[in-house]
Amino acid sequence: MDSSNAYIFTTSLAPLEQVNLSSGTVTYLVSDLLGSVRGTVNSSGALTGTPLTTRGATPERQAA
């Protein structure tokens, strides 16, 4: 949990869901086999964000 989101984990290294504490919006986090989050999906199943690759780093970018 951080100041704006709660995270739901299963047995993997990365969280499965992110829940916005103010709106209750659930975002599903799609991770690779290493546990890195590679994308986000909303409750309708639409892709809402993908990582942005810059010089080997992969900071996450989520659509507003």
N, C-alpha and C. Protein backbone atom coordinates (compact mmCIF):
# COMPACT_ATOMS: atom_id res chain seq x y z
N MET A 1 0.84 -1.16 0.00
CA MET A 1 0.00 0.00 0.00
C MET A 1 0.90 1.24 0.00
N ASP A 2 0.49 2.25 -0.78
CA ASP A 2 1.18 3.53 -0.71
C ASP A 2 0.13 4.60 -0.42
N SER A 3 0.44 5.85 -0.59
CA SER A 3 -0.48 6.92 -0.20
C SER A 3 -1.73 7.00 -1.08
N SER A 4 -1.71 6.42 -2.27
CA SER A 4 -2.87 6.53 -3.15
C SER A 4 -3.42 5.20 -3.66
N ASN A 5 -2.69 4.10 -3.46
CA ASN A 5 -3.11 2.80 -3.99
C ASN A 5 -2.86 1.67 -3.00
N ALA A 6 -3.72 0.65 -3.11
CA ALA A 6 -3.49 -0.61 -2.41
C ALA A 6 -3.17 -1.63 -3.48
N TYR A 7 -2.31 -2.59 -3.17
CA TYR A 7 -1.88 -3.59 -4.14
C TYR A 7 -2.24 -4.97 -3.63
N ILE A 8 -2.74 -5.81 -4.53
CA ILE A 8 -3.11 -7.17 -4.17
C ILE A 8 -2.12 -8.12 -4.82
N PHE A 9 -1.46 -8.92 -3.98
CA PHE A 9 -0.46 -9.86 -4.44
C PHE A 9 -1.01 -11.28 -4.40
N THR A 10 -0.49 -12.12 -5.27
CA THR A 10 -0.74 -13.56 -5.19
C THR A 10 0.60 -14.19 -4.85
N THR A 11 0.91 -15.31 -5.43
CA THR A 11 2.19 -15.97 -5.14
C THR A 11 3.35 -15.44 -5.98
N SER A 12 3.07 -14.54 -6.93
CA SER A 12 4.13 -14.01 -7.78
C SER A 12 4.85 -12.85 -7.11
N LEU A 13 5.93 -12.39 -7.73
CA LEU A 13 6.71 -11.28 -7.21
C LEU A 13 6.02 -9.94 -7.41
N ALA A 14 5.26 -9.82 -8.49
CA ALA A 14 4.59 -8.55 -8.82
C ALA A 14 3.15 -8.60 -8.35
N PRO A 15 2.59 -7.44 -8.01
CA PRO A 15 1.17 -7.42 -7.62
C PRO A 15 0.28 -7.75 -8.82
N LEU A 16 -0.89 -8.31 -8.54
CA LEU A 16 -1.85 -8.66 -9.57
C LEU A 16 -2.81 -7.50 -9.85
N GLU A 17 -3.19 -6.79 -8.79
CA GLU A 17 -4.14 -5.70 -8.92
C GLU A 17 -3.65 -4.47 -8.17
N GLN A 18 -4.08 -3.32 -8.68
CA GLN A 18 -3.84 -2.03 -8.02
C GLN A 18 -5.21 -1.40 -7.82
N VAL A 19 -5.52 -1.01 -6.59
CA VAL A 19 -6.81 -0.40 -6.29
C VAL A 19 -6.58 1.04 -5.84
N ASN A 20 -7.16 1.99 -6.57
CA ASN A 20 -7.04 3.40 -6.22
C ASN A 20 -7.86 3.64 -4.97
N LEU A 21 -7.25 4.18 -3.90
CA LEU A 21 -7.92 4.35 -2.62
C LEU A 21 -9.00 5.43 -2.65
N SER A 22 -8.87 6.44 -3.49
CA SER A 22 -9.88 7.49 -3.52
C SER A 22 -11.07 7.17 -4.41
N SER A 23 -10.85 6.48 -5.52
CA SER A 23 -11.95 6.20 -6.45
C SER A 23 -12.42 4.75 -6.42
N GLY A 24 -11.60 3.85 -5.90
CA GLY A 24 -11.94 2.43 -5.89
C GLY A 24 -11.69 1.74 -7.22
N THR A 25 -11.10 2.45 -8.17
CA THR A 25 -10.83 1.89 -9.49
C THR A 25 -9.79 0.78 -9.40
N VAL A 26 -10.10 -0.35 -10.03
CA VAL A 26 -9.18 -1.49 -10.04
C VAL A 26 -8.44 -1.51 -11.36
N THR A 27 -7.12 -1.63 -11.31
CA THR A 27 -6.28 -1.79 -12.49
C THR A 27 -5.54 -3.11 -12.33
N TYR A 28 -5.58 -3.94 -13.37
CA TYR A 28 -4.89 -5.23 -13.35
C TYR A 28 -3.51 -5.06 -13.95
N LEU A 29 -2.51 -5.59 -13.26
CA LEU A 29 -1.13 -5.45 -13.69
C LEU A 29 -0.68 -6.73 -14.37
N VAL A 30 -0.16 -6.60 -15.59
CA VAL A 30 0.29 -7.75 -16.37
C VAL A 30 1.81 -7.82 -16.26
N SER A 31 2.32 -8.94 -15.74
CA SER A 31 3.76 -9.05 -15.54
C SER A 31 4.34 -10.18 -16.37
N ASP A 32 5.66 -10.11 -16.58
CA ASP A 32 6.37 -11.16 -17.30
C ASP A 32 6.84 -12.23 -16.31
N LEU A 33 7.57 -13.21 -16.79
CA LEU A 33 8.02 -14.30 -15.93
C LEU A 33 9.02 -13.88 -14.87
N LEU A 34 9.65 -12.73 -15.05
CA LEU A 34 10.61 -12.23 -14.06
C LEU A 34 9.94 -11.38 -12.98
N GLY A 35 8.64 -11.11 -13.14
CA GLY A 35 7.92 -10.31 -12.17
C GLY A 35 7.87 -8.84 -12.49
N SER A 36 8.37 -8.44 -13.66
CA SER A 36 8.32 -7.04 -14.07
C SER A 36 6.96 -6.73 -14.67
N VAL A 37 6.34 -5.63 -14.25
CA VAL A 37 5.06 -5.25 -14.80
C VAL A 37 5.27 -4.75 -16.23
N ARG A 38 4.56 -5.35 -17.18
CA ARG A 38 4.73 -5.03 -18.59
C ARG A 38 3.55 -4.27 -19.17
N GLY A 39 2.45 -4.18 -18.44
CA GLY A 39 1.29 -3.46 -18.93
C GLY A 39 0.22 -3.40 -17.87
N THR A 40 -0.79 -2.55 -18.10
CA THR A 40 -1.93 -2.45 -17.20
C THR A 40 -3.20 -2.58 -18.02
N VAL A 41 -4.20 -3.19 -17.40
CA VAL A 41 -5.48 -3.44 -18.06
C VAL A 41 -6.59 -2.98 -17.12
N ASN A 42 -7.61 -2.31 -17.68
CA ASN A 42 -8.72 -1.87 -16.83
C ASN A 42 -9.75 -2.98 -16.67
N SER A 43 -10.81 -2.73 -15.92
CA SER A 43 -11.80 -3.77 -15.65
C SER A 43 -12.59 -4.19 -16.89
N SER A 44 -12.54 -3.39 -17.96
CA SER A 44 -13.19 -3.75 -19.21
C SER A 44 -12.29 -4.60 -20.10
N GLY A 45 -11.03 -4.77 -19.71
CA GLY A 45 -10.09 -5.57 -20.48
C GLY A 45 -9.28 -4.78 -21.48
N ALA A 46 -9.40 -3.45 -21.45
CA ALA A 46 -8.63 -2.60 -22.37
C ALA A 46 -7.25 -2.30 -21.81
N LEU A 47 -6.25 -2.36 -22.69
CA LEU A 47 -4.89 -2.02 -22.31
C LEU A 47 -4.83 -0.53 -22.00
N THR A 48 -4.38 -0.17 -20.79
CA THR A 48 -4.35 1.23 -20.37
C THR A 48 -2.95 1.77 -20.18
N GLY A 49 -1.94 0.92 -20.23
CA GLY A 49 -0.58 1.41 -20.07
C GLY A 49 0.43 0.35 -20.42
N THR A 50 1.58 0.79 -20.90
CA THR A 50 2.69 -0.10 -21.22
C THR A 50 3.98 0.57 -20.78
N PRO A 51 5.03 -0.22 -20.54
CA PRO A 51 6.32 0.38 -20.14
C PRO A 51 6.94 1.18 -21.29
N LEU A 52 7.65 2.19 -20.92
CA LEU A 52 8.38 3.01 -21.87
C LEU A 52 9.85 2.67 -21.72
N THR A 53 10.48 2.19 -22.77
CA THR A 53 11.88 1.79 -22.70
C THR A 53 12.79 2.95 -23.07
N THR A 54 13.69 3.30 -22.16
CA THR A 54 14.65 4.37 -22.39
C THR A 54 16.01 3.93 -21.90
N ARG A 55 16.93 3.70 -22.84
CA ARG A 55 18.31 3.31 -22.47
C ARG A 55 18.37 2.13 -21.52
N GLY A 56 17.56 1.12 -21.77
CA GLY A 56 17.61 -0.07 -20.94
C GLY A 56 16.72 -0.03 -19.72
N ALA A 57 16.28 1.15 -19.31
CA ALA A 57 15.39 1.26 -18.16
C ALA A 57 13.96 1.15 -18.65
N THR A 58 13.06 0.66 -17.80
CA THR A 58 11.67 0.54 -18.21
C THR A 58 10.74 1.18 -17.18
N PRO A 59 10.76 2.50 -17.06
CA PRO A 59 9.80 3.15 -16.18
C PRO A 59 8.39 2.95 -16.72
N GLU A 60 7.41 2.82 -15.87
CA GLU A 60 6.06 2.53 -16.31
C GLU A 60 5.32 3.81 -16.66
N ARG A 61 4.55 3.70 -17.70
CA ARG A 61 3.74 4.84 -18.14
C ARG A 61 2.31 4.36 -18.19
N GLN A 62 1.43 5.03 -17.45
CA GLN A 62 0.03 4.62 -17.42
C GLN A 62 -0.81 5.74 -17.99
N ALA A 63 -1.75 5.37 -18.84
CA ALA A 63 -2.64 6.35 -19.46
C ALA A 63 -3.55 6.96 -18.42
N ALA A 64 -3.89 8.21 -18.62
CA ALA A 64 -4.77 8.90 -17.66
C ALA A 64 -6.22 8.58 -17.94
